[in-house]
Every structure is written in C-alpha cells, then in structure tokens.
C-alpha cells in the first residue's frame, strides 16, 4: 500500500509518495496552491497535475493510494473555500480515503513526528498549531498579512522596507541595511522602490526578508532587532497555544518550520530565551512538513508505524 502527503503553501506545493515502511518513492514540486493567490480553478489544476506526476514518477496507480493527507494553505479559514477544496480533492482522488488540513498541521506532524506538542510556521505567512496528549488541537496567529502573520517573512520584508525608507530620507541613520536593500532591488534612485513595491506580490515582498538576514550577518542593529521582535511574536503564539491546551507533562515540546528559521541563531536564540519562563522546550524538527504529511497519512489510515518508520523517512526523504 502507498501513502500520499501534500504540503501546500504560498510559494510552492510539494507532493510525496511513501511505502508502508516509510520509504520515499517519489516527490514532485508545483506552484502555490493558495486559493487567495491563484483562485480555486487553478488550485485544482496544481493539485491534479501534482498528483498525476508524483504517481507517474513512482510507477504507482492512483487507486493504489491507501490514504492521503493534503496540507493546504488557508484551509479552514474560509468555510466556502474549505468545502470547495475538500470537494476538489475528492474528485481528483476518486476516493474518500483522505483528509484535508491546514498546512500548519503537516508542519506539526513533521517537526514532532505526530507526537503531542506545539509547532510554529514562519514562512511567507506565520501560524501556530498544537496538539495535546488527549488529542485536542488549537491554532494561534495566521490572521493574514493584512493585519497578522507577525514574525513571517512577509512581515520581515515589510519592516525592512519601512526601515529603508526612514534611512533613505534621513529619519534614521544609514546602516548596512540601506546599501543591501539598494543592491537587492537594483535601485538607481531610492524613490524607484515605490513603483516596484506597488506591483510586488505577497511572495515577492516575503522574499525580501533575505536582506534582513544579510544585514544581520553584517551586524546591523536594526536587522538584529527585527529578529528579536519576530522571536517575541512567535513566543506569544506558542504561549497562546499553551493556554488553549492541557499538557500534564513539562516542559512542553515545540518545534518549527518555514524559511524564517533558516536565519538560525538570529531567530532561534532569542526565541529560546523568551520560551524559558514558559516551560516550553524548543527542539529541532524531526522531519520536514512534506514528510510530516506522509507520516500523518500513514497514522490516520490506522497503519501501525514506529521510530523505524520515521528513520526510513529521514534517510530516504
């Protein structure tokens, strides 16, 4: 029997097929599957093509998939979209053996290998998810880039641009950040940034967060402070999850996924410091979100799995 995991996001959508023992058979990457970005019709196209290609690569017939988990961005936030997405996946699979979840849940399934605990996503957007030992679940943050997603790459990108504008017109002293932003966007004049950002997508703004990392490497105090602020936001997200869930054992394990955490100690060190008094222990992810989606499919199917399965996923993934 075979198991399918899907990890959708604002930038890309990953597909993976695994065996019952946890060996990865094939992988496929498609574009975004966020309905707010490309519309439901295009989401269906991405999901259908991704499924076809991952099956073709593995030489697996779609009917041989015992169970699948589809981690989809924004799932559960818009009831009309949720119903439509669930219907789309059912029509693509021609089966009822699947579950659609928000992409944060497959992040949790990967980082903690489906064990109770808390999970942070900080990619294009930001959101937290937790599951208690009794199976209760909760979420926090993830209120969209318009008035939420604090600590996300988009949030960092916007903060970066605000700092640049203040340094450009001398409201703030110029630091390495100023030069790095000019280089990143290829600016001849500082004001040329206005039309560029006016046309920029959410994803393009989020990608500018890479400049924050470069500035932090250069010792820029503003960039370092941005990571400090992002860490505080993430600690508040985890604390909010803790308030909603019942954990009898301390400390509560927590992990993370998403591009913001590629900044390493710039974000992780202050985050760990904020979490110490909360009795939350931050640990490195066991598996990636896409492997988490596959493991969750295995788990929800009722198939027995063990640490050996997780090891196989790590080694073959």
Protein backbone atom coordinates (compact mmCIF):
# COMPACT_ATOMS: atom_id res chain seq x y z
CA UNK A 1 0.00 0.00 0.00
CA UNK A 2 1.09 3.57 -0.68
CA UNK A 3 0.54 6.85 1.15
CA UNK A 4 0.45 10.38 -0.23
CA UNK A 5 1.44 13.57 1.53
CA UNK A 6 0.84 17.08 0.19
CA UNK A 7 2.29 20.25 1.68
CA UNK A 8 0.85 23.37 0.10
CA UNK A 9 1.97 26.93 0.66
CA UNK A 10 2.04 30.49 -0.61
CA UNK A 11 5.11 29.75 -2.74
CA UNK A 12 5.09 26.06 -3.67
CA UNK A 13 3.20 22.79 -3.22
CA UNK A 14 5.10 19.57 -2.54
CA UNK A 15 3.82 16.03 -3.21
CA UNK A 16 5.35 12.81 -1.89
CA UNK A 17 4.54 9.10 -2.10
CA UNK A 18 5.80 6.66 0.52
CA UNK A 19 5.56 2.95 1.20
CA UNK A 20 4.05 1.42 4.34
CA UNK A 21 7.59 1.10 5.75
CA UNK A 22 8.26 4.82 5.30
CA UNK A 23 10.45 4.70 2.21
CA UNK A 24 10.05 7.65 -0.15
CA UNK A 25 9.09 6.51 -3.66
CA UNK A 26 8.75 9.83 -5.47
CA UNK A 27 8.47 13.59 -5.00
CA UNK A 28 7.08 16.46 -7.05
CA UNK A 29 7.06 20.24 -6.65
CA UNK A 30 4.37 22.50 -8.11
CA UNK A 31 3.50 26.18 -7.69
CA UNK A 32 1.36 27.74 -4.96
CA UNK A 33 -1.97 26.17 -4.02
CA UNK A 34 -3.29 29.18 -2.10
CA UNK A 35 -6.82 29.96 -3.38
CA UNK A 36 -6.47 33.65 -2.49
CA UNK A 37 -3.46 33.91 -4.79
CA UNK A 38 -4.48 31.86 -7.83
CA UNK A 39 -8.20 31.04 -7.43
CA UNK A 40 -9.88 27.67 -6.87
CA UNK A 41 -9.80 26.67 -10.54
CA UNK A 42 -6.02 26.99 -10.67
CA UNK A 43 -5.64 25.29 -7.29
CA UNK A 44 -7.46 22.28 -8.74
CA UNK A 45 -5.07 22.27 -11.71
CA UNK A 46 -1.98 22.38 -9.44
CA UNK A 47 -3.28 19.56 -7.23
CA UNK A 48 -4.38 17.37 -10.12
CA UNK A 49 -1.12 17.74 -12.04
CA UNK A 50 0.97 17.25 -8.91
CA UNK A 51 -0.83 14.00 -8.07
CA UNK A 52 -0.51 12.70 -11.63
CA UNK A 53 3.21 13.45 -11.79
CA UNK A 54 4.14 12.04 -8.38
CA UNK A 55 2.28 8.81 -9.23
CA UNK A 56 3.88 8.61 -12.66
CA UNK A 57 7.39 9.02 -11.20
CA UNK A 58 6.79 6.18 -8.73
CA UNK A 59 5.02 3.93 -11.23
CA UNK A 60 2.05 3.83 -8.87
CA UNK A 61 -1.58 3.74 -9.90
CA UNK A 62 -3.67 6.40 -8.15
CA UNK A 63 -6.08 3.69 -6.99
CA UNK A 64 -3.23 2.08 -5.02
CA UNK A 65 -3.01 5.03 -2.62
CA UNK A 66 -4.40 3.76 0.69
CA UNK A 67 -4.66 7.18 2.32
CA UNK A 68 -3.57 10.77 1.70
CA UNK A 69 -3.23 13.98 3.68
CA UNK A 70 -3.49 17.32 1.92
CA UNK A 71 -1.98 20.23 3.85
CA UNK A 72 -3.45 23.28 2.14
CA UNK A 73 -2.73 26.97 2.82
CA UNK A 74 -5.66 28.83 4.35
CA UNK A 75 -7.70 25.64 4.79
CA UNK A 76 -10.33 26.06 7.50
CA UNK A 77 -10.29 29.87 7.39
CA UNK A 78 -12.97 30.36 4.74
CA UNK A 79 -15.86 27.90 5.05
CA UNK A 80 -16.88 28.21 1.40
CA UNK A 81 -13.30 27.58 0.24
CA UNK A 82 -12.92 24.72 2.71
CA UNK A 83 -15.97 22.95 1.30
CA UNK A 84 -14.85 23.58 -2.29
CA UNK A 85 -11.27 22.39 -1.65
CA UNK A 86 -12.47 19.21 0.04
CA UNK A 87 -14.73 18.51 -2.93
CA UNK A 88 -11.91 19.19 -5.41
CA UNK A 89 -9.56 16.76 -3.66
CA UNK A 90 -12.27 14.09 -3.53
CA UNK A 91 -12.92 14.46 -7.26
CA UNK A 92 -9.20 14.31 -8.07
CA UNK A 93 -8.66 11.18 -5.97
CA UNK A 94 -11.98 9.49 -6.78
CA UNK A 95 -11.77 8.20 -3.20
CA UNK A 96 -12.88 9.06 0.35
CA UNK A 97 -9.60 7.93 1.92
CA UNK A 98 -8.11 11.35 2.51
CA UNK A 99 -8.09 14.29 4.86
CA UNK A 100 -7.58 17.99 4.11
CA UNK A 101 -5.90 20.04 6.84
CA UNK A 102 -4.31 23.46 7.16
CA UNK A 103 -0.68 23.34 6.10
CA UNK A 104 0.40 24.15 9.66
CA UNK A 105 -0.83 20.71 10.74
CA UNK A 106 1.52 18.85 8.41
CA UNK A 107 4.30 21.07 9.74
CA UNK A 108 3.46 19.83 13.24
CA UNK A 109 3.24 16.22 12.04
CA UNK A 110 6.74 16.52 10.60
CA UNK A 111 8.54 18.52 13.24
CA UNK A 112 7.23 16.42 16.15
CA UNK A 113 6.64 13.15 14.24
CA UNK A 114 2.91 13.24 15.08
CA UNK A 115 3.59 13.46 18.83
CA UNK A 116 1.83 15.93 21.18
CA UNK A 117 3.36 19.40 21.28
CA UNK A 118 3.43 22.82 19.67
CA UNK A 119 4.51 23.94 16.22
CA UNK A 120 5.38 27.26 14.60
CA UNK A 121 5.31 28.03 10.90
CA UNK A 122 7.15 31.14 9.77
CA UNK A 123 7.38 31.15 6.00
CA UNK A 124 5.59 33.58 3.71
CA UNK A 125 2.97 33.72 6.47
CA UNK A 126 3.04 32.73 10.15
CA UNK A 127 0.81 30.49 12.25
CA UNK A 128 0.96 28.20 15.27
CA UNK A 129 -0.64 24.79 15.88
CA UNK A 130 -0.69 22.50 18.87
CA UNK A 131 -1.96 19.07 19.84
CA UNK A 132 -2.33 17.87 23.41
CA UNK A 133 -1.86 14.28 24.67
CA UNK A 134 -5.65 13.84 24.71
CA UNK A 135 -5.93 14.79 21.01
CA UNK A 136 -7.24 18.32 21.49
CA UNK A 137 -5.96 20.79 18.88
CA UNK A 138 -5.61 24.57 18.75
CA UNK A 139 -4.22 27.28 16.48
CA UNK A 140 -2.95 30.79 17.02
CA UNK A 141 -1.84 33.63 14.72
CA UNK A 142 -2.21 33.23 10.95
CA UNK A 143 -4.63 36.14 10.54
CA UNK A 144 -3.30 37.03 7.05
CA UNK A 145 -0.66 39.54 6.03
CA UNK A 146 -3.18 42.40 6.13
CA UNK A 147 -3.41 42.51 9.93
CA UNK A 148 -1.48 39.50 11.20
CA UNK A 149 1.21 36.93 10.33
CA UNK A 150 3.61 38.60 12.74
CA UNK A 151 7.12 37.20 12.52
CA UNK A 152 6.62 35.86 8.98
CA UNK A 153 8.88 36.51 6.00
CA UNK A 154 6.27 38.94 4.63
CA UNK A 155 6.20 40.77 7.97
CA UNK A 156 10.01 40.95 7.99
CA UNK A 157 10.00 42.16 4.39
CA UNK A 158 7.60 44.99 5.19
CA UNK A 159 9.55 46.01 8.29
CA UNK A 160 12.73 46.02 6.21
CA UNK A 161 11.20 48.37 3.64
CA UNK A 162 9.93 50.69 6.37
CA UNK A 163 13.43 50.90 7.83
CA UNK A 164 14.91 51.52 4.38
CA UNK A 165 12.53 54.41 3.71
CA UNK A 166 13.45 56.03 7.03
CA UNK A 167 17.16 55.65 6.32
CA UNK A 168 16.74 56.88 2.74
CA UNK A 169 15.26 60.23 3.85
CA UNK A 170 17.45 60.52 6.97
CA UNK A 171 14.78 59.91 9.61
CA UNK A 172 17.19 57.20 10.76
CA UNK A 173 20.98 56.96 10.40
CA UNK A 174 22.04 54.78 7.48
CA UNK A 175 23.28 51.28 8.33
CA UNK A 176 24.36 48.31 6.14
CA UNK A 177 20.65 47.61 5.62
CA UNK A 178 20.33 50.70 3.41
CA UNK A 179 23.01 49.57 0.95
CA UNK A 180 21.80 45.96 0.92
CA UNK A 181 18.24 46.96 0.02
CA UNK A 182 19.51 49.16 -2.82
CA UNK A 183 21.59 46.26 -4.13
CA UNK A 184 18.79 43.71 -3.79
CA UNK A 185 16.30 45.79 -5.79
CA UNK A 186 18.90 47.28 -8.15
CA UNK A 187 17.87 50.83 -7.29
CA UNK A 188 19.31 53.81 -9.14
CA UNK A 189 17.24 56.20 -7.02
CA UNK A 190 15.74 55.40 -3.63
CA UNK A 191 12.31 56.54 -4.83
CA UNK A 192 12.39 53.86 -7.54
CA UNK A 193 11.39 51.44 -4.79
CA UNK A 194 7.85 52.86 -4.69
CA UNK A 195 6.63 51.56 -8.09
CA UNK A 196 8.49 48.27 -7.55
CA UNK A 197 6.72 47.55 -4.27
CA UNK A 198 3.38 48.83 -5.55
CA UNK A 199 3.42 45.98 -8.09
CA UNK A 200 5.05 43.39 -5.82
CA UNK A 201 3.16 40.25 -4.84
CA UNK A 202 2.95 38.92 -1.29
CA UNK A 203 5.57 36.34 -2.16
CA UNK A 204 7.95 38.93 -3.64
CA UNK A 205 7.72 41.06 -0.51
CA UNK A 206 8.36 37.98 1.62
CA UNK A 207 11.49 37.13 -0.39
CA UNK A 208 12.97 40.50 0.60
CA UNK A 209 13.34 39.03 4.12
CA UNK A 210 16.59 37.52 2.81
CA UNK A 211 18.03 41.04 3.03
CA UNK A 212 17.27 41.12 6.77
CA UNK A 213 19.45 38.02 7.16
CA UNK A 214 22.29 39.57 5.13
CA UNK A 215 22.07 42.74 7.21
CA UNK A 216 22.13 40.70 10.43
CA UNK A 217 25.29 38.94 9.21
CA UNK A 218 26.79 42.41 8.74
CA UNK A 219 25.93 43.20 12.37
CA UNK A 220 23.15 45.67 11.50
CA UNK A 221 21.41 46.59 14.77
CA UNK A 222 18.05 47.13 13.05
CA UNK A 223 18.11 43.68 11.42
CA UNK A 224 19.09 42.01 14.69
CA UNK A 225 16.28 43.87 16.43
CA UNK A 226 13.78 42.68 13.80
CA UNK A 227 14.65 39.06 14.60
CA UNK A 228 14.30 39.85 18.31
CA UNK A 229 10.80 41.25 17.67
CA UNK A 230 9.87 38.28 15.46
CA UNK A 231 11.02 35.90 18.21
CA UNK A 232 8.81 37.70 20.73
CA UNK A 233 5.81 37.36 18.40
CA UNK A 234 6.47 33.63 17.97
CA UNK A 235 6.82 33.12 21.72
CA UNK A 236 3.43 34.78 22.22
CA UNK A 237 1.92 32.45 19.61
CA UNK A 238 3.23 29.40 21.47
CA UNK A 239 2.05 30.79 24.80
CA UNK A 240 -1.42 31.31 23.32
CA UNK A 241 -1.49 27.65 22.23
CA UNK A 242 -0.45 26.55 25.70
CA UNK A 243 -3.39 28.45 27.19
CA UNK A 244 -5.81 26.51 24.97
CA UNK A 245 -4.40 23.02 25.52
CA UNK A 246 -3.95 20.73 28.51
CA UNK A 247 -0.41 19.41 28.91
CA UNK A 248 0.26 17.45 32.09
CA UNK A 249 3.98 16.91 31.44
CA UNK A 250 6.50 19.74 31.44
CA UNK A 251 8.38 21.10 29.60
CA UNK A 252 6.10 21.09 26.56
CA UNK A 253 7.94 20.23 23.32
CA UNK A 254 7.76 22.73 20.47
CA UNK A 255 9.30 22.84 17.02
CA UNK A 256 9.19 24.88 13.85
CA UNK A 257 9.25 25.04 10.05
CA UNK A 258 9.48 27.74 7.39
CA UNK A 259 12.13 29.87 5.74
CA UNK A 260 12.40 32.46 8.53
CA UNK A 261 14.05 29.84 10.75
CA UNK A 262 16.85 29.40 8.20
CA UNK A 263 18.27 32.50 9.88
CA UNK A 264 19.43 30.14 12.63
CA UNK A 265 20.54 31.68 15.91
CA UNK A 266 19.45 35.16 14.85
CA UNK A 267 15.85 33.99 15.39
CA UNK A 268 16.23 30.78 17.43
CA UNK A 269 18.42 32.14 20.24
CA UNK A 270 16.07 34.98 21.28
CA UNK A 271 13.08 32.66 20.82
CA UNK A 272 14.56 30.09 23.22
CA UNK A 273 15.21 32.85 25.74
CA UNK A 274 11.59 34.00 25.57
CA UNK A 275 10.36 30.42 26.00
CA UNK A 276 12.41 29.53 29.09
CA UNK A 277 9.98 31.05 31.64
CA UNK A 278 7.04 29.47 29.77
CA UNK A 279 8.37 25.92 30.29
CA UNK A 280 8.34 25.29 26.55
CA UNK A 281 11.32 23.45 25.10
CA UNK A 282 12.19 24.30 21.51
CA UNK A 283 13.70 21.42 19.56
CA UNK A 284 14.93 20.86 16.02
CA UNK A 285 12.33 19.40 13.62
CA UNK A 286 12.29 15.60 13.28
CA UNK A 287 11.01 15.73 9.71
CA UNK A 288 10.15 18.29 7.06
CA UNK A 289 6.47 19.30 6.59
CA UNK A 290 6.11 17.20 3.43
CA UNK A 291 7.39 14.09 5.22
CA UNK A 292 5.06 15.03 8.06
CA UNK A 293 2.12 14.98 5.65
CA UNK A 294 3.06 11.47 4.54
CA UNK A 295 3.55 10.26 8.13
CA UNK A 296 0.18 11.75 9.10
CA UNK A 297 -1.46 9.91 6.19
CA UNK A 298 0.07 6.68 7.47
CA UNK A 299 -1.09 7.46 11.02
CA UNK A 300 -4.66 8.42 10.09
CA UNK A 301 -5.04 5.30 7.96
CA UNK A 302 -4.68 3.23 11.13
CA UNK A 303 -1.49 1.60 9.88
CA UNK A 304 0.99 0.78 12.64
CA UNK A 305 4.29 2.66 12.46
CA UNK A 306 7.33 3.07 14.68
CA UNK A 307 10.57 5.01 15.16
CA UNK A 308 11.97 2.85 12.38
CA UNK A 309 9.36 4.32 10.02
CA UNK A 310 10.47 7.84 10.98
CA UNK A 311 14.10 6.81 10.45
CA UNK A 312 13.27 5.47 6.98
CA UNK A 313 11.51 8.72 6.10
CA UNK A 314 14.54 10.73 7.21
CA UNK A 315 17.01 8.59 5.33
CA UNK A 316 15.06 8.27 2.08
CA UNK A 317 13.43 11.71 2.11
